[in-house]
Amino acid sequence: MSDQTTRNHIIEAADQLFYRHGYEHTSFSDIADAVQISRGNFYYHFKSKDEILDAVINVRLASTRKMLEQWEIEGKQPADRIRSFIHILIANRADIKRYGCPVGTLCTELTKLTHASQAEANKLFTLFRTWLRRQFTLLGRKADADALAMHLLARSQGVATLASAFHDEKFIKQEVQQMCEWLDSYTEGAALNASGGRGVDKAARR
């Protein structure tokens, strides 16, 4: 196994352990055991758990950027892209039910610990916020794009937290449907604005 492959395996294992057990409750030994390497080999790649945390955050940031880029490619309209964000709750519902949101749980824990990497971890939320704000702007909601982005972020985090607390996948599905319906109401409004309000006039004549 090459040095780079070993390093990647350490980061991958640490990422999963931090998510499932928390950063504070994951030890060097836990990570080394998961990767099945000697302590000497482990310390060759990382001298401290904080170094591993920084590497995990960087990998998560890179993965998130890649995912957002993929949504840009796959979604023809901004509403389609926003739905991709909403539907990650469905795609990850099994893990969310057990452990909560990987971004939210990490940021919350690091905040409680007043950890030096707290600001870096918060960049994960900033990536989503900035991306969602851009999509709502493209949807014709420039004036309140950031507020809508924050609302959607907050609601998704609330769903993840409660789904984990009650171990309820059905709740996730119900909330995702409601968020999509909420998004549809803004999409319909954008369509009416684009048509100069003709849809409203037509409805009024019925």
Protein backbone atom coordinates (compact mmCIF):
# COMPACT_ATOMS: atom_id res chain seq x y z
CA MET A 1 0.00 0.00 0.00
CA SER A 2 1.45 3.38 -1.00
CA ASP A 3 1.92 6.22 1.49
CA GLN A 4 -0.80 8.28 -0.21
CA THR A 5 -3.24 5.36 -0.16
CA THR A 6 -2.54 4.76 3.55
CA ARG A 7 -3.05 8.46 4.29
CA ASN A 8 -6.35 8.46 2.40
CA HIS A 9 -7.53 5.39 4.29
CA ILE A 10 -6.72 7.07 7.59
CA ILE A 11 -8.70 10.17 6.62
CA GLU A 12 -11.63 8.09 5.39
CA ALA A 13 -11.73 6.03 8.59
CA ALA A 14 -11.41 9.13 10.77
CA ASP A 15 -14.21 10.84 8.85
CA GLN A 16 -16.58 7.97 9.57
CA LEU A 17 -15.55 7.68 13.23
CA PHE A 18 -15.85 11.43 13.83
CA TYR A 19 -19.34 11.29 12.32
CA ARG A 20 -20.53 8.24 14.23
CA HIS A 21 -18.85 8.76 17.60
CA GLY A 22 -17.82 12.40 17.59
CA TYR A 23 -14.39 13.99 17.33
CA GLU A 24 -13.78 14.12 21.08
CA HIS A 25 -14.70 10.47 21.64
CA THR A 26 -12.54 9.12 18.80
CA SER A 27 -8.96 8.25 19.74
CA PHE A 28 -5.80 7.64 17.73
CA SER A 29 -6.17 3.97 18.62
CA ASP A 30 -9.72 3.86 17.26
CA ILE A 31 -8.58 5.22 13.91
CA ALA A 32 -5.45 3.02 13.75
CA ASP A 33 -7.52 -0.06 14.55
CA ALA A 34 -10.06 0.81 11.86
CA VAL A 35 -7.30 1.14 9.24
CA GLN A 36 -5.34 -1.79 10.73
CA ILE A 37 -1.92 -0.19 10.71
CA SER A 38 0.80 0.08 13.33
CA ARG A 39 1.18 3.09 15.59
CA GLY A 40 4.52 3.86 13.94
CA ASN A 41 2.97 3.91 10.47
CA PHE A 42 0.10 6.00 11.79
CA TYR A 43 2.37 8.67 13.30
CA TYR A 44 4.36 8.79 10.08
CA HIS A 45 1.30 10.31 8.40
CA PHE A 46 -0.27 12.29 11.26
CA LYS A 47 1.31 13.62 14.43
CA SER A 48 -1.92 14.65 16.14
CA LYS A 49 -5.68 14.14 16.00
CA ASP A 50 -6.06 17.82 15.11
CA GLU A 51 -4.01 17.20 11.95
CA ILE A 52 -6.41 14.41 11.01
CA LEU A 53 -9.40 16.67 11.69
CA ASP A 54 -7.98 19.33 9.36
CA ALA A 55 -7.51 16.69 6.67
CA VAL A 56 -11.07 15.41 7.16
CA ILE A 57 -12.51 18.92 6.86
CA ASN A 58 -10.49 19.56 3.68
CA VAL A 59 -11.75 16.31 2.15
CA ARG A 60 -15.32 17.19 3.06
CA LEU A 61 -14.95 20.65 1.53
CA ALA A 62 -13.57 19.16 -1.69
CA SER A 63 -16.35 16.55 -1.81
CA THR A 64 -19.02 19.19 -1.22
CA ARG A 65 -17.66 21.41 -4.00
CA LYS A 66 -17.66 18.43 -6.35
CA MET A 67 -21.25 17.55 -5.40
CA LEU A 68 -22.43 21.14 -5.97
CA GLU A 69 -20.70 21.19 -9.35
CA GLN A 70 -22.46 17.94 -10.26
CA TRP A 71 -25.84 19.41 -9.29
CA GLU A 72 -25.09 22.37 -11.55
CA ILE A 73 -24.50 19.99 -14.45
CA GLU A 74 -27.52 17.78 -13.79
CA GLY A 75 -30.05 20.49 -12.93
CA LYS A 76 -31.37 22.41 -15.91
CA GLN A 77 -33.20 24.96 -13.77
CA PRO A 78 -32.27 26.51 -10.40
CA ALA A 79 -35.31 24.86 -8.79
CA ASP A 80 -34.05 21.46 -9.96
CA ARG A 81 -30.69 22.15 -8.32
CA ILE A 82 -32.29 23.27 -5.07
CA ARG A 83 -34.32 20.04 -5.04
CA SER A 84 -31.05 18.14 -5.26
CA PHE A 85 -30.03 19.80 -2.00
CA ILE A 86 -33.35 18.94 -0.37
CA HIS A 87 -33.18 15.33 -1.50
CA ILE A 88 -29.83 14.61 0.16
CA LEU A 89 -31.95 14.11 3.28
CA ILE A 90 -33.58 11.16 1.50
CA ALA A 91 -30.36 9.82 0.01
CA ASN A 92 -28.66 9.82 3.43
CA ARG A 93 -31.72 9.11 5.57
CA ALA A 94 -30.37 5.87 7.11
CA ASP A 95 -27.23 7.58 8.43
CA ILE A 96 -29.10 10.74 9.38
CA LYS A 97 -31.58 8.71 11.43
CA ARG A 98 -28.70 7.19 13.41
CA TYR A 99 -26.15 9.98 13.60
CA GLY A 100 -27.71 13.25 12.42
CA CYS A 101 -26.22 15.53 9.77
CA PRO A 102 -22.44 15.08 9.34
CA VAL A 103 -21.92 18.81 8.85
CA GLY A 104 -24.20 19.93 11.65
CA THR A 105 -22.91 17.45 14.22
CA LEU A 106 -19.26 18.29 13.54
CA CYS A 107 -19.78 22.07 13.61
CA THR A 108 -21.84 21.85 16.81
CA GLU A 109 -19.24 19.71 18.57
CA LEU A 110 -16.32 21.91 17.57
CA THR A 111 -18.24 24.98 18.73
CA LYS A 112 -18.81 23.41 22.14
CA LEU A 113 -15.12 22.54 22.34
CA THR A 114 -14.13 26.06 21.15
CA HIS A 115 -11.82 24.15 18.83
CA ALA A 116 -9.40 26.02 16.58
CA SER A 117 -10.83 24.24 13.51
CA GLN A 118 -14.36 25.48 14.19
CA ALA A 119 -14.19 28.28 11.61
CA GLU A 120 -12.79 25.94 8.97
CA ALA A 121 -15.58 23.41 9.56
CA ASN A 122 -18.18 26.19 9.30
CA LYS A 123 -17.01 26.72 5.71
CA LEU A 124 -19.04 23.62 4.85
CA PHE A 125 -22.22 25.47 5.76
CA THR A 126 -20.96 28.57 3.96
CA LEU A 127 -20.50 26.54 0.76
CA PHE A 128 -24.14 25.44 0.89
CA ARG A 129 -25.36 28.90 1.87
CA THR A 130 -23.52 30.63 -0.97
CA TRP A 131 -24.62 28.02 -3.51
CA LEU A 132 -28.27 28.11 -2.43
CA ARG A 133 -28.25 31.91 -2.42
CA ARG A 134 -27.07 31.85 -6.03
CA GLN A 135 -29.83 29.41 -7.02
CA PHE A 136 -32.55 31.53 -5.41
CA THR A 137 -31.11 34.61 -7.14
CA LEU A 138 -31.36 32.80 -10.47
CA LEU A 139 -34.92 31.90 -9.50
CA GLY A 140 -35.72 35.62 -9.42
CA ARG A 141 -35.51 36.10 -5.64
CA LYS A 142 -32.41 38.30 -5.48
CA ALA A 143 -33.76 40.55 -2.71
CA ASP A 144 -34.30 37.69 -0.24
CA ALA A 145 -32.06 35.02 -1.75
CA ASP A 146 -29.83 34.79 1.31
CA ALA A 147 -32.78 34.65 3.70
CA LEU A 148 -34.32 31.82 1.68
CA ALA A 149 -30.99 29.98 1.58
CA MET A 150 -30.65 30.26 5.36
CA HIS A 151 -34.26 29.17 5.87
CA LEU A 152 -33.71 26.03 3.82
CA LEU A 153 -30.43 25.28 5.57
CA ALA A 154 -32.04 25.75 8.97
CA ARG A 155 -35.01 23.57 8.12
CA SER A 156 -32.84 20.75 6.75
CA GLN A 157 -30.73 20.86 9.92
CA GLY A 158 -33.85 20.76 12.07
CA VAL A 159 -35.16 17.77 10.14
CA ALA A 160 -31.84 15.92 10.54
CA THR A 161 -31.71 16.65 14.28
CA LEU A 162 -35.28 15.52 15.00
CA ALA A 163 -35.04 12.48 12.71
CA SER A 164 -31.97 11.39 14.65
CA ALA A 165 -33.59 12.08 18.02
CA PHE A 166 -36.71 10.08 17.16
CA HIS A 167 -35.07 7.60 14.73
CA ASP A 168 -37.81 8.40 12.25
CA GLU A 169 -37.24 8.01 8.49
CA LYS A 170 -40.91 8.64 7.78
CA PHE A 171 -40.53 12.11 9.28
CA ILE A 172 -37.65 12.82 6.87
CA LYS A 173 -39.77 11.84 3.86
CA GLN A 174 -42.70 13.98 5.02
CA GLU A 175 -40.50 17.01 5.59
CA VAL A 176 -38.74 16.61 2.26
CA GLN A 177 -42.11 16.58 0.52
CA GLN A 178 -43.15 19.74 2.34
CA MET A 179 -39.88 21.49 1.50
CA CYS A 180 -40.35 20.61 -2.16
CA GLU A 181 -43.89 22.00 -2.05
CA TRP A 182 -42.53 25.14 -0.39
CA LEU A 183 -39.98 25.44 -3.20
CA ASP A 184 -42.70 24.91 -5.82
CA SER A 185 -44.59 27.91 -4.45
CA TYR A 186 -41.56 30.11 -5.19
CA THR A 187 -41.07 28.50 -8.59
CA GLU A 188 -44.67 29.23 -9.54
CA GLY A 189 -44.25 32.81 -8.34
CA ALA A 190 -41.15 33.22 -10.48
CA ALA A 191 -43.02 31.88 -13.51
CA LEU A 192 -45.85 34.36 -12.97
CA ASN A 193 -43.39 37.25 -12.65
CA ALA A 194 -41.67 36.16 -15.84
CA SER A 195 -45.00 36.16 -17.69
CA GLY A 196 -45.79 39.66 -16.44
CA GLY A 197 -48.56 38.50 -14.16
CA ARG A 198 -50.65 37.04 -16.99
CA GLY A 199 -51.28 33.93 -14.94
CA VAL A 200 -52.87 36.04 -12.21
CA ASP A 201 -55.07 37.87 -14.72
CA LYS A 202 -56.17 34.60 -16.27
CA ALA A 203 -57.06 33.18 -12.86
CA ALA A 204 -59.01 36.34 -11.98
CA ARG A 205 -61.16 36.00 -15.13
CA ARG A 206 -62.26 32.46 -14.25
